[in-house]
Amino acid sequence: MALLVFLTFLTLFTNSYIPIWMVDNERGHMNEVMDQFGNLKGKVDMMSIGSEITGTSDLNMYQSIALGAPGIPVFASPTAGLLTYSPYGAKNSTMGLDFTYYVGGKEIKMNDTGGGKLQLYMPDRYYVQQWVGYENGAILIGQQDGQAMKAYPSLSITKTGGQIQLSWTQVDLTGSNASIAGTGNAGVNLDLIYYNSQTYNTTKSVASSSYSWVNFTFTTQFGNAWWSYLTNITKSSGLVINTDYTLTWSPLPMKLQNQPNSNPVKITLTVKSVSSIVYGKATMQMSVQVS
């Protein structure tokens, strides 16, 4: 009888309390990861600002990322995560920018590319599975029921009269592909290689009132999050779709994707009648290691 009572309480504990306990562990871990990715973004932004002020780019910082959620001794093992670093050149995360600007009446074409992504995948067993990524200066999160952008990139759109002014800071990630899986901590070394910011005059002449079109092209596995962000920022800036800008998704037909492990999509934002653009570019080298 005593053995039956013990087994009954043990079954109740393992079937009820253990899952609840592990949900808290995995949810707490994801909250910790979001804070750590936020710190990483803040450090990259601070290094870029510092380089703009001092004129030097010999800056470096360090960020720790918790790979896994703790388990429960004897009853449940820790939940392991996978951290991957895909620098510029990887097909799943690229960004392109092209426009025409004028110097002394001379037309010059700007066509620049970049990108790269740092991503943690958590195959949570009790809490929802999630992907957290840092891409083009933004923090993104994806799970089975949707995607969201948790921290925005450095994009500003201002419309005055019929003219539009843009400001965009691109963060390019360089280095070597890397991946680390486990339940411990991973360290990410941040080295700012280059930073530059310039204002480009995209007005051909005051008399002709001819302005350049600016094209942003994002290739990403977080397609839903980027689409939602670009739709909201253009609308809140007072731009009118098909008049001031166009926003397209390829390949068609447009398929909403939640889990960022599917094929990447290409999203193109074309802003018309742009009179000037402030374009900043930060080249960041990241190296991932077990801490």
Protein backbone atom coordinates (compact mmCIF):
# COMPACT_ATOMS: atom_id res chain seq x y z
CA MET A 1 0.00 0.00 0.00
CA ALA A 2 2.83 2.39 0.89
CA LEU A 3 4.50 1.62 -2.45
CA LEU A 4 1.28 2.39 -4.34
CA VAL A 5 0.90 5.69 -2.51
CA PHE A 6 4.53 6.58 -3.34
CA LEU A 7 4.09 5.69 -7.02
CA THR A 8 0.88 7.72 -7.17
CA PHE A 9 2.60 10.84 -5.84
CA LEU A 10 5.61 10.24 -8.11
CA THR A 11 3.36 9.97 -11.16
CA LEU A 12 1.50 13.12 -10.15
CA PHE A 13 4.83 14.94 -9.73
CA THR A 14 6.32 13.82 -13.05
CA ASN A 15 3.12 14.34 -15.10
CA SER A 16 2.02 17.66 -13.60
CA TYR A 17 4.76 19.57 -11.80
CA ILE A 18 7.70 18.64 -14.03
CA PRO A 19 6.10 20.02 -17.26
CA ILE A 20 5.05 23.23 -15.48
CA TRP A 21 8.52 23.61 -14.01
CA MET A 22 10.17 23.04 -17.39
CA VAL A 23 7.84 25.52 -19.11
CA ASP A 24 9.02 28.15 -16.64
CA ASN A 25 12.66 27.17 -17.23
CA GLU A 26 12.38 27.36 -21.02
CA ARG A 27 10.31 30.56 -20.98
CA GLY A 28 12.78 32.18 -18.59
CA HIS A 29 15.64 31.13 -20.84
CA MET A 30 13.99 32.73 -23.90
CA ASN A 31 13.47 35.95 -21.93
CA GLU A 32 17.15 35.86 -21.01
CA VAL A 33 18.12 35.31 -24.66
CA MET A 34 16.02 38.27 -25.79
CA ASP A 35 17.83 40.46 -23.26
CA GLN A 36 21.19 39.18 -24.48
CA PHE A 37 20.36 39.84 -28.13
CA GLY A 38 19.16 43.30 -27.10
CA ASN A 39 22.50 43.91 -25.38
CA LEU A 40 24.30 42.72 -28.51
CA LYS A 41 22.36 45.16 -30.70
CA GLY A 42 23.00 47.95 -28.21
CA LYS A 43 26.73 47.27 -28.25
CA VAL A 44 26.86 47.29 -32.06
CA ASP A 45 24.96 50.60 -32.12
CA MET A 46 27.23 52.08 -29.44
CA MET A 47 30.35 51.04 -31.32
CA SER A 48 29.01 52.63 -34.51
CA ILE A 49 28.19 55.89 -32.71
CA GLY A 50 31.58 55.86 -31.01
CA SER A 51 33.33 55.39 -34.34
CA GLU A 52 31.38 58.27 -35.86
CA ILE A 53 32.41 60.54 -32.97
CA THR A 54 36.05 59.52 -32.68
CA GLY A 55 36.74 58.71 -36.32
CA THR A 56 38.33 55.37 -35.39
CA SER A 57 37.00 51.86 -35.82
CA ASP A 58 39.41 49.88 -33.61
CA LEU A 59 36.65 48.98 -31.16
CA ASN A 60 35.62 45.59 -29.80
CA MET A 61 33.16 44.18 -27.29
CA TYR A 62 31.94 40.83 -26.01
CA GLN A 63 28.47 39.35 -25.55
CA SER A 64 27.51 36.07 -23.88
CA ILE A 65 24.56 34.05 -25.22
CA ALA A 66 22.89 31.32 -23.11
CA LEU A 67 22.43 28.34 -25.41
CA GLY A 68 20.12 26.16 -23.35
CA ALA A 69 17.45 26.09 -20.69
CA PRO A 70 18.24 24.41 -17.34
CA GLY A 71 16.69 21.05 -16.57
CA ILE A 72 15.50 19.39 -13.38
CA PRO A 73 17.98 17.00 -11.78
CA VAL A 74 16.96 13.34 -12.15
CA PHE A 75 13.61 14.15 -13.75
CA ALA A 76 14.27 16.31 -16.87
CA SER A 77 17.40 17.02 -18.86
CA PRO A 78 18.36 20.56 -19.98
CA THR A 79 17.08 21.81 -23.33
CA ALA A 80 19.89 22.42 -25.81
CA GLY A 81 19.96 25.26 -28.33
CA LEU A 82 21.79 25.90 -31.61
CA LEU A 83 23.57 29.19 -32.28
CA THR A 84 24.55 29.83 -35.92
CA TYR A 85 26.48 32.68 -37.46
CA SER A 86 26.01 33.34 -41.19
CA PRO A 87 28.15 36.28 -42.34
CA TYR A 88 27.61 38.36 -45.46
CA GLY A 89 27.65 36.10 -48.49
CA ALA A 90 25.20 33.55 -47.09
CA LYS A 91 22.15 33.23 -49.33
CA ASN A 92 19.66 33.26 -46.46
CA SER A 93 20.42 36.83 -45.34
CA THR A 94 21.41 39.63 -47.71
CA MET A 95 20.51 43.28 -48.17
CA GLY A 96 20.91 45.47 -51.25
CA LEU A 97 20.60 49.22 -51.69
CA ASP A 98 20.74 51.15 -54.96
CA PHE A 99 19.99 54.73 -55.96
CA THR A 100 21.33 57.58 -58.07
CA TYR A 101 22.93 60.67 -56.57
CA TYR A 102 24.44 63.83 -58.04
CA VAL A 103 27.69 65.67 -57.44
CA GLY A 104 28.11 68.91 -59.37
CA GLY A 105 25.33 67.86 -61.71
CA LYS A 106 27.12 64.59 -62.49
CA GLU A 107 25.05 61.41 -62.11
CA ILE A 108 26.60 58.64 -60.00
CA LYS A 109 25.11 55.20 -59.36
CA MET A 110 25.20 53.67 -55.90
CA ASN A 111 24.75 49.91 -55.72
CA ASP A 112 25.76 48.35 -52.42
CA THR A 113 25.14 44.93 -50.90
CA GLY A 114 25.63 43.45 -47.46
CA GLY A 115 23.87 41.42 -44.81
CA GLY A 116 24.55 38.54 -42.48
CA LYS A 117 22.73 36.99 -39.52
CA LEU A 118 23.29 35.65 -36.01
CA GLN A 119 20.53 33.26 -34.95
CA LEU A 120 19.65 31.04 -31.99
CA TYR A 121 17.24 28.14 -32.50
CA MET A 122 15.57 26.71 -29.40
CA PRO A 123 13.72 23.40 -29.97
CA ASP A 124 11.87 23.76 -26.68
CA ARG A 125 10.13 20.58 -25.54
CA TYR A 126 7.63 22.17 -23.13
CA TYR A 127 7.52 25.83 -24.18
CA VAL A 128 7.03 26.93 -27.81
CA GLN A 129 9.96 26.43 -30.21
CA GLN A 130 11.52 29.76 -31.20
CA TRP A 131 14.11 31.32 -33.49
CA VAL A 132 15.77 34.58 -32.43
CA GLY A 133 17.88 36.45 -34.98
CA TYR A 134 19.98 39.59 -35.36
CA GLU A 135 19.89 40.80 -38.97
CA ASN A 136 20.52 44.20 -40.61
CA GLY A 137 20.47 45.88 -37.21
CA ALA A 138 17.12 44.36 -36.22
CA ILE A 139 16.16 41.69 -33.67
CA LEU A 140 13.59 39.23 -34.96
CA ILE A 141 11.73 36.31 -33.43
CA GLY A 142 9.83 33.50 -35.10
CA GLN A 143 7.72 30.60 -33.87
CA GLN A 144 5.08 28.28 -35.26
CA ASP A 145 2.27 30.83 -35.01
CA GLY A 146 4.03 33.92 -36.39
CA GLN A 147 7.00 36.26 -36.60
CA ALA A 148 7.73 39.66 -35.10
CA MET A 149 10.43 42.31 -35.11
CA LYS A 150 11.34 43.00 -31.48
CA ALA A 151 13.91 45.77 -32.11
CA TYR A 152 13.91 47.96 -35.22
CA PRO A 153 16.77 48.72 -37.59
CA SER A 154 18.06 52.26 -38.18
CA LEU A 155 15.59 53.34 -40.86
CA SER A 156 13.97 56.78 -40.87
CA ILE A 157 11.52 58.13 -43.47
CA THR A 158 10.39 61.76 -43.54
CA LYS A 159 7.97 63.25 -46.07
CA THR A 160 7.88 67.02 -46.52
CA GLY A 161 5.61 68.26 -49.26
CA GLY A 162 6.31 66.08 -52.26
CA GLN A 163 9.85 65.24 -51.18
CA ILE A 164 11.04 62.31 -49.11
CA GLN A 165 14.21 62.14 -47.00
CA LEU A 166 15.64 58.78 -45.97
CA SER A 167 18.15 57.69 -43.37
CA TRP A 168 19.43 54.12 -43.22
CA THR A 169 22.30 52.48 -41.35
CA GLN A 170 23.26 49.04 -42.64
CA VAL A 171 25.04 46.53 -40.39
CA ASP A 172 27.10 44.01 -42.36
CA LEU A 173 28.42 40.92 -40.59
CA THR A 174 31.75 39.44 -41.69
CA GLY A 175 33.92 36.54 -40.59
CA SER A 176 33.55 32.78 -40.85
CA ASN A 177 30.47 30.59 -40.69
CA ALA A 178 30.08 29.07 -37.25
CA SER A 179 27.60 27.03 -35.24
CA ILE A 180 27.57 25.93 -31.61
CA ALA A 181 25.05 23.62 -29.96
CA GLY A 182 24.67 22.78 -26.31
CA THR A 183 23.26 23.86 -22.98
CA GLY A 184 26.06 26.11 -21.76
CA ASN A 185 27.04 29.62 -22.84
CA ALA A 186 28.50 30.85 -26.10
CA GLY A 187 30.59 33.97 -26.44
CA VAL A 188 30.33 36.40 -29.34
CA ASN A 189 33.30 38.70 -29.93
CA LEU A 190 32.33 41.94 -31.68
CA ASP A 191 34.94 43.81 -33.69
CA LEU A 192 33.99 46.96 -35.60
CA ILE A 193 36.03 46.87 -38.80
CA TYR A 194 34.61 49.90 -40.60
CA TYR A 195 32.01 52.61 -40.18
CA ASN A 196 31.06 55.45 -42.48
CA SER A 197 28.06 57.72 -42.89
CA GLN A 198 27.41 60.14 -45.74
CA THR A 199 24.56 62.30 -47.01
CA TYR A 200 23.78 61.86 -50.70
CA ASN A 201 21.96 64.47 -52.76
CA THR A 202 19.49 62.60 -54.94
CA THR A 203 17.97 65.74 -56.48
CA LYS A 204 19.09 66.21 -60.07
CA SER A 205 18.29 69.92 -60.06
CA VAL A 206 15.96 72.33 -58.34
CA ALA A 207 14.61 73.51 -61.68
CA SER A 208 13.67 70.05 -62.95
CA SER A 209 12.53 68.72 -59.55
CA SER A 210 13.84 65.33 -60.62
CA TYR A 211 14.44 62.95 -57.74
CA SER A 212 15.94 59.50 -57.48
CA TRP A 213 14.19 56.28 -56.61
CA VAL A 214 15.78 54.32 -53.77
CA ASN A 215 15.52 50.52 -53.79
CA PHE A 216 15.93 48.37 -50.67
CA THR A 217 16.12 44.62 -51.27
CA PHE A 218 16.00 42.20 -48.33
CA THR A 219 16.60 38.47 -48.72
CA THR A 220 15.59 36.89 -45.45
CA GLN A 221 14.02 33.92 -43.72
CA PHE A 222 12.12 36.34 -41.45
CA GLY A 223 9.95 37.50 -44.36
CA ASN A 224 6.76 38.09 -42.39
CA ALA A 225 8.51 40.23 -39.78
CA TRP A 226 10.27 42.43 -42.36
CA TRP A 227 7.09 42.78 -44.45
CA SER A 228 5.07 43.89 -41.42
CA TYR A 229 7.75 46.37 -40.33
CA LEU A 230 8.17 47.96 -43.76
CA THR A 231 4.40 48.19 -44.22
CA ASN A 232 3.98 49.95 -40.87
CA ILE A 233 6.90 52.40 -41.16
CA THR A 234 5.92 53.59 -44.64
CA LYS A 235 2.30 54.07 -43.57
CA SER A 236 3.19 55.88 -40.34
CA SER A 237 5.56 58.18 -42.29
CA GLY A 238 2.65 59.38 -44.44
CA LEU A 239 3.70 57.59 -47.63
CA VAL A 240 1.01 56.45 -50.06
CA ILE A 241 1.46 53.02 -51.57
CA ASN A 242 1.88 52.91 -55.39
CA THR A 243 2.30 56.69 -55.32
CA ASP A 244 5.23 57.28 -52.98
CA TYR A 245 6.48 53.70 -52.78
CA THR A 246 5.97 50.09 -53.81
CA LEU A 247 6.50 46.99 -51.70
CA THR A 248 6.84 43.58 -53.35
CA TRP A 249 7.46 39.99 -52.28
CA SER A 250 9.02 37.21 -54.35
CA PRO A 251 8.71 34.47 -55.27
CA LEU A 252 5.00 34.81 -55.91
CA PRO A 253 2.45 33.85 -54.80
CA MET A 254 3.16 35.46 -51.47
CA LYS A 255 3.26 32.81 -48.77
CA LEU A 256 3.26 33.80 -45.14
CA GLN A 257 5.97 31.88 -43.28
CA ASN A 258 6.32 31.52 -39.57
CA GLN A 259 9.28 29.25 -38.95
CA PRO A 260 12.52 30.86 -40.21
CA ASN A 261 13.91 27.53 -41.41
CA SER A 262 12.15 27.65 -44.76
CA ASN A 263 13.47 29.01 -48.05
CA PRO A 264 14.37 32.71 -47.92
CA VAL A 265 12.16 35.28 -49.66
CA LYS A 266 13.07 38.58 -51.31
CA ILE A 267 11.27 41.77 -50.25
CA THR A 268 11.82 44.95 -52.28
CA LEU A 269 10.92 48.42 -51.06
CA THR A 270 11.12 51.15 -53.72
CA VAL A 271 10.73 54.71 -52.41
CA LYS A 272 10.05 57.37 -55.05
CA SER A 273 10.82 61.09 -55.12
CA VAL A 274 13.69 60.88 -52.62
CA SER A 275 15.51 64.22 -52.37
CA SER A 276 18.30 63.02 -50.05
CA ILE A 277 19.47 59.95 -48.19
CA VAL A 278 21.81 59.58 -45.23
CA TYR A 279 23.48 56.22 -45.67
CA GLY A 280 25.56 54.73 -42.88
CA LYS A 281 27.41 51.46 -43.11
CA ALA A 282 28.90 49.45 -40.24
CA THR A 283 31.02 46.38 -40.97
CA MET A 284 31.06 44.14 -37.92
CA GLN A 285 33.18 41.03 -37.56
CA MET A 286 31.72 38.47 -35.19
CA SER A 287 33.42 35.33 -33.93
CA VAL A 288 31.48 32.71 -31.96
CA GLN A 289 33.11 30.48 -29.36
CA VAL A 290 32.26 28.41 -26.31
CA SER A 291 32.60 30.66 -23.27
